[in-house]
Protein backbone atom coordinates (compact mmCIF):
# COMPACT_ATOMS: atom_id res chain seq x y z
CA UNK A 1 141.09 104.75 99.39
CA UNK A 2 140.36 103.09 96.09
CA UNK A 3 137.01 104.00 94.52
CA UNK A 4 136.56 100.34 93.57
CA UNK A 5 136.05 99.55 97.27
CA UNK A 6 133.24 102.07 97.68
CA UNK A 7 130.35 99.73 96.68
CA UNK A 8 131.58 97.09 99.13
CA UNK A 9 131.78 99.65 101.94
CA UNK A 10 128.20 100.69 101.23
CA UNK A 11 127.07 97.09 101.25
CA UNK A 12 128.81 96.46 104.56
CA UNK A 13 127.15 99.51 106.11
CA UNK A 14 123.76 98.41 104.86
CA UNK A 15 124.22 94.92 106.32
CA UNK A 16 125.32 96.38 109.64
CA UNK A 17 122.28 98.65 109.81
CA UNK A 18 119.92 95.83 108.89
CA UNK A 19 121.50 93.67 111.62
CA UNK A 20 121.07 96.40 114.22
CA UNK A 21 117.41 96.84 113.23
CA UNK A 22 116.75 93.09 113.39
CA UNK A 23 118.57 92.79 116.73
CA UNK A 24 116.53 95.65 118.26
CA UNK A 25 113.33 94.01 117.08
CA UNK A 26 114.32 90.63 118.57
CA UNK A 27 115.10 92.26 121.90
CA UNK A 28 111.47 93.11 122.44
CA UNK A 29 109.73 90.56 120.27
CA UNK A 30 107.56 93.40 118.97
CA UNK A 31 107.37 94.87 115.48
CA UNK A 32 107.92 98.44 114.44
CA UNK A 33 104.77 100.37 113.56
CA UNK A 34 103.42 99.28 110.17
CA UNK A 35 104.72 100.90 107.01
CA UNK A 36 105.84 100.38 103.43
CA UNK A 37 108.44 97.82 102.42
CA UNK A 38 111.90 99.38 102.25
CA UNK A 39 115.01 98.76 100.19
CA UNK A 40 118.28 97.81 101.87
CA UNK A 41 120.11 100.87 103.12
CA UNK A 42 118.21 103.46 101.04
CA UNK A 43 114.98 102.50 102.83
CA UNK A 44 111.93 104.40 101.54
CA UNK A 45 113.66 107.41 100.06
CA UNK A 46 112.21 106.62 96.64
CA UNK A 47 108.67 106.35 98.00
CA UNK A 48 108.49 109.87 99.46
CA UNK A 49 107.56 113.10 97.74
CA UNK A 50 110.72 114.90 98.80
CA UNK A 51 109.28 118.35 98.03
CA UNK A 52 106.08 117.70 100.03
CA UNK A 53 106.72 114.64 102.23
CA UNK A 54 103.66 115.36 104.39
CA UNK A 55 101.47 114.35 101.45
CA UNK A 56 103.11 110.94 101.27
CA UNK A 57 102.78 110.51 104.99
CA UNK A 58 99.09 111.39 104.80
CA UNK A 59 98.56 108.75 102.10
CA UNK A 60 100.32 106.21 104.27
CA UNK A 61 97.81 106.87 107.04
CA UNK A 62 95.03 105.57 104.78
CA UNK A 63 96.98 102.36 104.15
CA UNK A 64 98.83 101.68 107.42
CA UNK A 65 96.99 103.59 110.12
CA UNK A 66 97.67 106.68 112.31
CA UNK A 67 101.21 105.65 113.30
CA UNK A 68 103.57 104.59 110.52
CA UNK A 69 107.25 103.68 110.32
CA UNK A 70 109.67 103.81 107.43
CA UNK A 71 113.39 103.84 106.83
CA UNK A 72 115.48 106.70 105.52
CA UNK A 73 119.05 105.69 104.76
CA UNK A 74 119.43 103.47 107.77
CA UNK A 75 117.34 105.69 110.07
CA UNK A 76 114.05 104.56 111.62
CA UNK A 77 111.40 107.23 111.13
CA UNK A 78 108.02 107.14 112.89
CA UNK A 79 105.29 109.33 111.44
CA UNK A 80 102.38 110.33 113.63
CA UNK A 81 99.14 111.10 111.74
CA UNK A 82 96.89 111.40 114.80
CA UNK A 83 96.75 114.25 117.27
CA UNK A 84 95.68 111.88 120.05
CA UNK A 85 98.74 109.74 119.51
CA UNK A 86 100.95 112.80 119.17
CA UNK A 87 99.71 114.02 122.58
CA UNK A 88 100.17 110.56 124.14
CA UNK A 89 103.77 110.29 122.97
CA UNK A 90 105.16 113.80 122.66
CA UNK A 91 103.28 115.37 125.59
CA UNK A 92 102.66 112.56 128.05
CA UNK A 93 105.96 110.78 127.42
CA UNK A 94 108.01 113.89 126.81
CA UNK A 95 110.93 112.54 128.84
CA UNK A 96 111.50 110.04 125.99
CA UNK A 97 110.38 112.09 122.99
CA UNK A 98 111.99 115.49 123.55
CA UNK A 99 115.40 114.88 121.95
CA UNK A 100 116.51 116.07 118.51
CA UNK A 101 118.10 113.77 115.91
CA UNK A 102 121.86 113.45 116.31
CA UNK A 103 123.70 114.60 113.27
CA UNK A 104 126.15 117.09 111.83
CA UNK A 105 123.68 119.40 110.10
CA UNK A 106 122.96 122.10 112.71
CA UNK A 107 126.65 122.50 113.50
CA UNK A 108 127.50 122.54 109.79
CA UNK A 109 125.04 125.37 109.30
CA UNK A 110 126.31 127.24 112.38
CA UNK A 111 122.94 127.15 114.19
CA UNK A 112 123.47 124.33 116.67
CA UNK A 113 123.15 126.83 119.56
CA UNK A 114 119.56 127.77 118.58
CA UNK A 115 117.06 126.34 121.07
CA UNK A 116 115.10 124.45 118.46
CA UNK A 117 118.14 122.36 117.48
CA UNK A 118 119.55 121.64 120.94
CA UNK A 119 119.61 118.01 122.14
CA UNK A 120 117.60 117.36 125.25
CA UNK A 121 119.76 118.17 128.28
CA UNK A 122 120.92 120.87 130.64
CA UNK A 123 121.35 123.58 128.02
CA UNK A 124 117.84 123.07 126.67
CA UNK A 125 116.42 123.15 130.20
CA UNK A 126 118.23 126.44 130.83
CA UNK A 127 116.84 127.93 127.61
CA UNK A 128 113.31 126.82 128.52
CA UNK A 129 113.62 128.38 131.96
CA UNK A 130 114.76 131.70 130.51
CA UNK A 131 111.99 131.64 127.91
CA UNK A 132 109.37 130.88 130.53
CA UNK A 133 110.62 133.78 132.59
CA UNK A 134 110.65 136.28 129.71
CA UNK A 135 107.76 135.15 127.46
CA UNK A 136 105.11 133.84 129.87
CA UNK A 137 101.46 134.72 129.08
CA UNK A 138 101.27 137.79 131.28
CA UNK A 139 104.48 139.14 129.76
CA UNK A 140 102.95 138.65 126.30
CA UNK A 141 99.88 140.62 127.40
CA UNK A 142 102.08 143.52 128.48
CA UNK A 143 102.99 144.12 124.81
CA UNK A 144 99.41 144.61 123.59
CA UNK A 145 99.92 148.30 122.82
CA UNK A 146 102.97 147.34 120.76
CA UNK A 147 100.96 144.86 118.63
CA UNK A 148 98.29 147.51 118.00
CA UNK A 149 100.82 150.20 117.08
CA UNK A 150 102.64 147.89 114.68
CA UNK A 151 99.37 146.71 113.11
CA UNK A 152 98.36 150.30 112.43
CA UNK A 153 101.78 150.98 110.95
CA UNK A 154 101.17 147.94 108.70
CA UNK A 155 97.90 149.51 107.49
CA UNK A 156 99.70 152.81 106.84
CA UNK A 157 102.40 151.06 104.78
CA UNK A 158 99.69 149.28 102.76
CA UNK A 159 97.99 152.62 102.05
CA UNK A 160 101.27 154.00 100.70
CA UNK A 161 102.50 150.98 98.71
CA UNK A 162 99.95 148.14 98.55
CA UNK A 163 101.82 146.16 95.90
CA UNK A 164 104.66 145.57 98.36
CA UNK A 165 102.37 143.83 100.86
CA UNK A 166 104.67 140.81 101.31
CA UNK A 167 107.51 143.10 102.34
CA UNK A 168 105.20 144.94 104.77
CA UNK A 169 104.15 141.63 106.39
CA UNK A 170 107.80 140.68 106.93
CA UNK A 171 108.50 144.10 108.39
CA UNK A 172 105.46 143.92 110.69
CA UNK A 173 106.67 140.61 112.10
CA UNK A 174 110.29 141.69 112.35
CA UNK A 175 109.48 144.99 114.06
CA UNK A 176 107.49 143.23 116.79
CA UNK A 177 110.23 140.63 117.35
CA UNK A 178 112.93 143.32 117.43
CA UNK A 179 110.97 145.37 119.94
CA UNK A 180 110.10 142.46 122.22
CA UNK A 181 113.52 140.83 122.04
CA UNK A 182 115.92 143.78 121.84
CA UNK A 183 113.84 146.94 122.47
CA UNK A 184 114.83 148.00 118.93
CA UNK A 185 111.84 150.03 117.76
CA UNK A 186 113.12 151.45 114.46
CA UNK A 187 113.82 148.76 111.90
CA UNK A 188 114.52 148.97 108.20
CA UNK A 189 114.05 146.21 105.62
CA UNK A 190 117.29 146.85 103.76
CA UNK A 191 119.61 147.17 106.79
CA UNK A 192 120.97 144.77 109.44
CA UNK A 193 119.81 142.87 111.31
CA UNK A 194 116.55 142.46 109.36
CA UNK A 195 118.28 141.85 106.06
CA UNK A 196 120.63 139.29 107.61
CA UNK A 197 117.91 137.42 109.49
CA UNK A 198 115.66 137.31 106.40
CA UNK A 199 118.40 135.69 104.36
CA UNK A 200 119.38 133.37 107.24
CA UNK A 201 115.81 132.11 107.65
CA UNK A 202 115.43 131.56 103.90
CA UNK A 203 118.64 129.51 103.73
CA UNK A 204 117.70 127.41 106.77
CA UNK A 205 114.33 126.73 105.17
CA UNK A 206 116.03 125.47 102.02
CA UNK A 207 118.80 123.54 103.70
CA UNK A 208 117.20 121.65 106.63
CA UNK A 209 114.38 119.36 105.45
CA UNK A 210 114.56 116.11 107.52
CA UNK A 211 115.00 114.01 104.39
CA UNK A 212 118.14 115.95 103.42
CA UNK A 213 119.37 115.89 106.98
CA UNK A 214 119.01 112.09 107.00
CA UNK A 215 121.37 111.82 104.04
CA UNK A 216 124.04 113.96 105.70
CA UNK A 217 123.59 112.13 108.98
CA UNK A 218 124.01 108.75 107.27
CA UNK A 219 127.04 110.02 105.34
CA UNK A 220 128.77 112.50 107.67
CA UNK A 221 131.80 112.38 105.41
CA UNK A 222 129.76 114.43 102.92
CA UNK A 223 130.03 117.39 105.32
CA UNK A 224 133.75 117.49 104.51
CA UNK A 225 133.27 117.95 100.79
CA UNK A 226 134.58 121.28 99.48
CA UNK A 227 131.98 123.79 98.44
CA UNK A 228 133.09 123.64 94.78
CA UNK A 229 132.47 119.88 94.59
CA UNK A 230 129.60 118.92 92.22
CA UNK A 231 126.43 118.34 94.27
CA UNK A 232 127.80 120.09 97.35
CA UNK A 233 125.53 123.12 97.10
CA UNK A 234 124.61 122.55 100.74
CA UNK A 235 128.16 123.46 101.69
CA UNK A 236 127.81 126.86 100.04
CA UNK A 237 124.51 127.37 101.87
CA UNK A 238 126.16 126.29 105.13
CA UNK A 239 129.06 128.71 104.71
CA UNK A 240 126.65 131.58 104.23
CA UNK A 241 124.39 130.64 107.16
CA UNK A 242 127.38 130.44 109.53
CA UNK A 243 128.30 134.03 108.70
CA UNK A 244 124.72 135.26 108.84
CA UNK A 245 124.03 133.56 112.17
CA UNK A 246 126.91 135.43 113.83
CA UNK A 247 125.92 138.74 112.26
CA UNK A 248 122.27 138.35 113.23
CA UNK A 249 123.15 137.39 116.81
CA UNK A 250 125.88 139.88 117.67
CA UNK A 251 124.76 143.25 116.33
CA UNK A 252 121.35 143.63 118.06
CA UNK A 253 122.69 142.06 121.27
CA UNK A 254 125.51 144.62 121.45
CA UNK A 255 122.98 147.36 120.71
CA UNK A 256 121.12 146.44 123.91
CA UNK A 257 124.34 146.33 125.98
CA UNK A 258 125.41 149.76 124.72
CA UNK A 259 122.03 151.22 125.66
CA UNK A 260 122.18 149.59 129.11
CA UNK A 261 125.52 151.26 129.79
CA UNK A 262 124.00 154.68 129.05
CA UNK A 263 120.77 153.88 130.87
CA UNK A 264 118.69 154.18 127.68
CA UNK A 265 117.73 150.52 127.12
CA UNK A 266 113.97 150.01 126.62
CA UNK A 267 112.25 147.05 128.22
CA UNK A 268 113.01 143.85 126.25
CA UNK A 269 113.74 140.16 126.74
CA UNK A 270 117.49 140.75 126.53
CA UNK A 271 117.63 143.82 128.79
CA UNK A 272 115.41 142.19 131.43
CA UNK A 273 117.52 139.00 131.56
CA UNK A 274 120.81 140.89 131.56
CA UNK A 275 119.58 143.13 134.37
CA UNK A 276 118.72 140.11 136.50
CA UNK A 277 122.12 138.64 135.69
CA UNK A 278 123.95 141.87 136.64
CA UNK A 279 121.99 142.18 139.89
CA UNK A 280 122.82 138.59 140.85
CA UNK A 281 119.21 137.48 140.91
CA UNK A 282 119.95 134.70 138.45
CA UNK A 283 123.02 132.67 137.56
CA UNK A 284 123.31 131.85 133.87
CA UNK A 285 125.87 132.62 131.14
CA UNK A 286 125.36 135.77 129.11
CA UNK A 287 125.85 133.65 125.99
CA UNK A 288 122.61 131.84 126.78
CA UNK A 289 120.69 135.11 126.56
CA UNK A 290 122.31 135.86 123.23
CA UNK A 291 121.34 132.43 121.91
CA UNK A 292 117.69 132.51 122.99
CA UNK A 293 117.30 136.03 121.57
CA UNK A 294 118.30 134.86 118.09
CA UNK A 295 116.11 131.81 118.52
CA UNK A 296 113.07 134.07 118.93
CA UNK A 297 113.97 135.92 115.74
CA UNK A 298 114.65 132.84 113.61
CA UNK A 299 111.58 130.94 114.89
CA UNK A 300 109.09 133.77 114.50
CA UNK A 301 110.24 135.80 111.53
CA UNK A 302 109.21 133.56 108.62
CA UNK A 303 106.39 131.59 110.23
CA UNK A 304 104.36 134.60 111.33
CA UNK A 305 104.67 136.51 108.06
CA UNK A 306 103.82 133.32 106.14
CA UNK A 307 100.62 132.93 108.20
CA UNK A 308 99.58 136.49 107.42
CA UNK A 309 100.28 135.95 103.72
CA UNK A 310 98.07 132.84 103.88
CA UNK A 311 95.34 134.91 105.51
CA UNK A 312 95.37 137.48 102.70
CA UNK A 313 95.29 134.69 100.14
CA UNK A 314 92.31 133.09 101.92
CA UNK A 315 90.40 136.41 101.95
CA UNK A 316 91.00 136.94 98.23
CA UNK A 317 89.84 133.44 97.40
CA UNK A 318 86.92 133.41 99.86
CA UNK A 319 85.25 136.84 99.72
CA UNK A 320 82.09 135.64 101.52
CA UNK A 321 84.07 134.75 104.66
CA UNK A 322 85.77 138.14 104.44
CA UNK A 323 82.40 139.92 104.06
CA UNK A 324 80.92 138.20 107.13
CA UNK A 325 83.98 139.03 109.25
CA UNK A 326 83.89 142.66 108.21
CA UNK A 327 80.15 142.94 108.82
CA UNK A 328 80.80 141.71 112.40
CA UNK A 329 83.57 144.26 112.91
CA UNK A 330 81.36 147.08 111.63
CA UNK A 331 78.53 146.03 113.96
CA UNK A 332 80.66 145.70 117.08
CA UNK A 333 83.58 148.06 116.62
CA UNK A 334 81.95 150.66 114.36
CA UNK A 335 83.50 152.48 111.43
CA UNK A 336 85.12 155.43 113.16
CA UNK A 337 87.83 153.59 115.10
CA UNK A 338 90.15 150.61 114.75
CA UNK A 339 89.76 147.37 116.72
CA UNK A 340 91.35 146.68 120.09
CA UNK A 341 92.02 143.56 122.11
CA UNK A 342 89.00 144.43 124.27
CA UNK A 343 86.86 143.74 121.20
CA UNK A 344 88.24 140.22 120.72
CA UNK A 345 85.75 138.27 122.86
CA UNK A 346 82.85 139.80 120.90
CA UNK A 347 84.34 139.18 117.44
CA UNK A 348 83.45 135.52 117.22
CA UNK A 349 83.38 135.15 113.44
CA UNK A 350 86.67 137.02 113.15
CA UNK A 351 88.06 134.53 115.66
CA UNK A 352 86.78 131.65 113.52
CA UNK A 353 88.42 133.17 110.42
CA UNK A 354 91.68 133.54 112.38
CA UNK A 355 91.62 129.91 113.54
CA UNK A 356 90.72 128.65 110.11
CA UNK A 357 93.66 130.58 108.59
CA UNK A 358 96.04 128.72 110.90
CA UNK A 359 94.38 125.37 110.16
CA UNK A 360 93.90 125.80 106.39
CA UNK A 361 97.52 125.77 105.28
CA UNK A 362 99.98 125.02 108.05
CA UNK A 363 103.10 127.07 107.61
CA UNK A 364 105.36 124.31 109.02
CA UNK A 365 103.72 121.06 107.87
CA UNK A 366 106.15 118.78 109.75
CA UNK A 367 107.81 121.18 112.17
CA UNK A 368 111.19 119.92 113.29
CA UNK A 369 111.67 116.19 113.99
CA UNK A 370 111.80 114.86 117.53
CA UNK A 371 113.96 111.89 118.45
CA UNK A 372 113.63 109.20 121.10
CA UNK A 373 116.21 109.20 123.87
CA UNK A 374 115.46 105.58 124.84
CA UNK A 375 113.51 102.56 123.53
CA UNK A 376 109.75 102.69 123.93
CA UNK A 377 106.71 100.48 123.39
CA UNK A 378 103.39 101.97 122.27
CA UNK A 379 100.25 100.19 121.15
CA UNK A 380 102.10 96.90 120.77
CA UNK A 381 104.80 98.48 118.59
CA UNK A 382 108.49 98.88 119.32
CA UNK A 383 109.98 102.38 118.82
CA UNK A 384 113.80 102.18 119.06
CA UNK A 385 116.07 104.68 120.71
CA UNK A 386 117.26 107.30 118.25
CA UNK A 387 114.19 107.10 115.99
CA UNK A 388 113.11 110.26 114.18
CA UNK A 389 109.59 111.16 115.26
CA UNK A 390 107.66 113.26 112.76
CA UNK A 391 104.25 114.56 113.79
CA UNK A 392 102.49 115.22 110.47
CA UNK A 393 101.13 118.56 111.62
CA UNK A 394 99.52 119.22 108.25
CA UNK A 395 97.48 116.02 108.59
CA UNK A 396 96.58 116.77 112.20
CA UNK A 397 95.03 120.07 111.18
CA UNK A 398 93.34 118.52 108.13
CA UNK A 399 91.71 115.74 110.15
CA UNK A 400 88.59 117.55 111.30
CA UNK A 401 86.45 114.42 111.86
CA UNK A 402 86.16 115.20 115.57
CA UNK A 403 84.20 118.32 114.63
CA UNK A 404 82.02 116.45 112.17
CA UNK A 405 82.99 118.48 109.09
CA UNK A 406 83.69 117.12 105.63
CA UNK A 407 86.18 118.50 103.10
CA UNK A 408 89.09 119.40 105.41
CA UNK A 409 90.91 121.05 102.51
CA UNK A 410 88.26 123.77 102.21
CA UNK A 411 88.44 127.14 103.96
CA UNK A 412 85.40 127.06 106.30
CA UNK A 413 85.38 129.30 109.37
CA UNK A 414 82.04 127.71 110.29
CA UNK A 415 83.77 124.49 111.31
CA UNK A 416 84.93 126.27 114.49
CA UNK A 417 81.39 126.75 115.74
CA UNK A 418 79.28 124.25 117.66
CA UNK A 419 75.75 123.40 116.54
CA UNK A 420 74.27 126.05 118.80
CA UNK A 421 76.37 128.79 117.25
CA UNK A 422 78.94 129.12 120.05
CA UNK A 423 82.65 128.98 119.35
CA UNK A 424 84.25 125.65 120.07
CA UNK A 425 86.83 125.60 122.91
CA UNK A 426 90.28 126.63 121.77
CA UNK A 427 93.55 127.19 123.60
CA UNK A 428 96.83 128.45 122.19
CA UNK A 429 98.96 125.71 123.71
CA UNK A 430 96.71 122.96 122.30
CA UNK A 431 97.31 123.86 118.66
CA UNK A 432 99.65 121.42 116.93
CA UNK A 433 101.39 124.27 115.05
CA UNK A 434 103.02 125.38 118.31
CA UNK A 435 104.69 122.00 118.85
CA UNK A 436 104.43 119.37 121.52
CA UNK A 437 105.69 118.61 125.01
CA UNK A 438 108.97 120.13 126.08
CA UNK A 439 109.57 121.29 122.50
CA UNK A 440 106.53 123.57 122.46
CA UNK A 441 107.09 127.09 121.05
CA UNK A 442 107.98 129.37 123.97
CA UNK A 443 106.91 132.49 122.05
CA UNK A 444 103.47 131.20 121.08
CA UNK A 445 101.55 133.70 123.24
CA UNK A 446 103.28 136.69 121.69
CA UNK A 447 103.05 135.24 118.17
CA UNK A 448 99.35 134.44 118.46
CA UNK A 449 98.45 137.88 119.79
CA UNK A 450 100.53 139.65 117.11
CA UNK A 451 98.90 137.55 114.37
CA UNK A 452 95.38 138.29 115.62
CA UNK A 453 96.13 142.00 115.80
CA UNK A 454 97.24 142.07 112.18
CA UNK A 455 94.29 140.00 110.97
CA UNK A 456 91.59 142.10 112.66
CA UNK A 457 93.17 145.36 111.51
CA UNK A 458 93.44 144.18 107.90
CA UNK A 459 89.80 143.11 107.97
CA UNK A 460 88.69 146.42 109.48
CA UNK A 461 90.58 148.60 107.01
CA UNK A 462 90.60 146.87 103.63
CA UNK A 463 88.68 144.70 101.24
CA UNK A 464 91.29 142.26 99.91
CA UNK A 465 90.39 141.44 96.31
CA UNK A 466 91.90 140.12 93.14
CA UNK A 467 94.03 142.67 91.30
CA UNK A 468 93.13 143.76 87.79
CA UNK A 469 95.30 144.02 84.70
CA UNK A 470 95.53 147.03 82.37
CA UNK A 471 92.38 145.89 80.55
CA UNK A 472 90.43 145.77 83.82
CA UNK A 473 90.32 141.98 83.89
CA UNK A 474 90.84 140.21 87.21
CA UNK A 475 94.19 138.48 87.61
CA UNK A 476 93.63 134.90 88.69
CA UNK A 477 95.03 133.82 92.04
CA UNK A 478 95.92 130.20 92.72
CA UNK A 479 96.07 128.27 95.96
CA UNK A 480 99.75 127.37 95.62
CA UNK A 481 102.44 127.21 98.26
CA UNK A 482 106.21 126.92 98.41
CA UNK A 483 107.99 123.88 99.88
CA UNK A 484 110.50 123.57 102.66
CA UNK A 485 110.50 123.58 106.44
CA UNK A 486 108.24 126.67 106.26
CA UNK A 487 105.71 127.00 103.44
CA UNK A 488 104.16 130.27 102.29
CA UNK A 489 101.91 131.19 99.37
CA UNK A 490 103.57 131.48 95.99
CA UNK A 491 103.80 135.25 95.31
CA UNK A 492 100.44 136.59 94.06
CA UNK A 493 98.91 139.91 93.20
CA UNK A 494 95.95 141.43 95.02
CA UNK A 495 94.33 144.79 95.75
CA UNK A 496 93.71 146.47 99.08
CA UNK A 497 90.55 148.59 98.81
CA UNK A 498 90.06 151.02 101.67
CA UNK A 499 86.67 150.40 103.31
CA UNK A 500 85.95 153.84 104.78
CA UNK A 501 87.43 157.33 104.95
CA UNK A 502 86.89 157.30 108.74
CA UNK A 503 89.24 154.37 109.09
CA UNK A 504 91.78 156.07 106.85
CA UNK A 505 91.74 159.01 109.25
CA UNK A 506 92.26 156.61 112.18
CA UNK A 507 95.20 155.02 110.37
CA UNK A 508 96.81 158.36 109.57
CA UNK A 509 96.34 159.63 113.12
CA UNK A 510 98.19 156.59 114.44
CA UNK A 511 101.29 157.27 112.31
């Protein structure tokens, strides 16, 4: 095809897309949700902060209201900046809003089998049923001893090498996921599958922002470019993720199967489901178990460790909140033992610190986009079939007006208390970070319990402070975060000061 025809082809595509948009609008006689003026074909790509799109979407709320529409290269995008509206659409109308955007990206990256990327249909329903069976709340509670053991191992690792705290946070998260999912208790940072999963998650985080996905969806021919072609760095990322996805999925799964043959397989998600399959209690393909197992790893590995890194950053920057939480632990737990889940109801300020950590800097500001499986009308606005639906989770957590607090960007555990000093109601499933409707995170109960266990143990054992240079001067720490699907603090230095010798003895005894 002659290159001279390319501009005309682009123009024809743009006209076709504009016609389809106008035709859909005329069908209902209703407008799309309000939003900025867009250019033909490119839409609003130039209006969005590509690195941190949630900031642009939050600004649009001030101008256009809580539900906003824009165009991204021929694709209708609806941004939701209100939790109430998010619940009304994604929860209450989940039959319409539970799809994922159609496009070549998940398959290109070799992760189209992961639950989070599945289109709404029979396979997703099967995955959800298996998850519900294996990760229901009472099953999550059965792993409490595991969370405590791993939290105490985290403290021990920090005693031995505090400067490597980011690595220890990753290992804490990975060891819990490996134990719950595969019964694999001994994990090593520099060996498979941890090394493979860590790289896989990092590459997915870089390669799958919705704005980049929109470009590849609008121009699927780009997915055929060779990896050496200028500007086709995504192809090199995709090649690597395809290999890593297979490695990360196969090795631990086969480990479980080998142990089951010899009768030495510990309790785990995979062994439980395979046992039911072998005994004929359930009818589902073995491949589905393999797929949901890797889903648990990919979904939880980076998000949980990023939340814990944010917690440590918050404690370094807000020593008064740290002091109050530790004073409460000392008064209720004492200084000669480490906390337990039985202490949780009494540790109200610690609970407020934990909630505020999750709210303060959301690790997945936009989550993954939903898509509409049919046309819908909401609030007098037309939302076409196939629209990308982006709940601006960062904005939902920032909008604290319903609690009557100003300065939503500040770290304030007190915002989680009512006027009479009681904790405000809070449920795991209601937190926007866990997703909405039929796309809610199936492992949220395990993730939440594991995060709390790490937070309360870190508070009990250490004062987290600014590190000092060779001259004894404090090294400044900034409130800065990476970009991508998952955001974590920019690497920073800090010190972990042991709070009591009694707690050190408790940590060493638990090794």
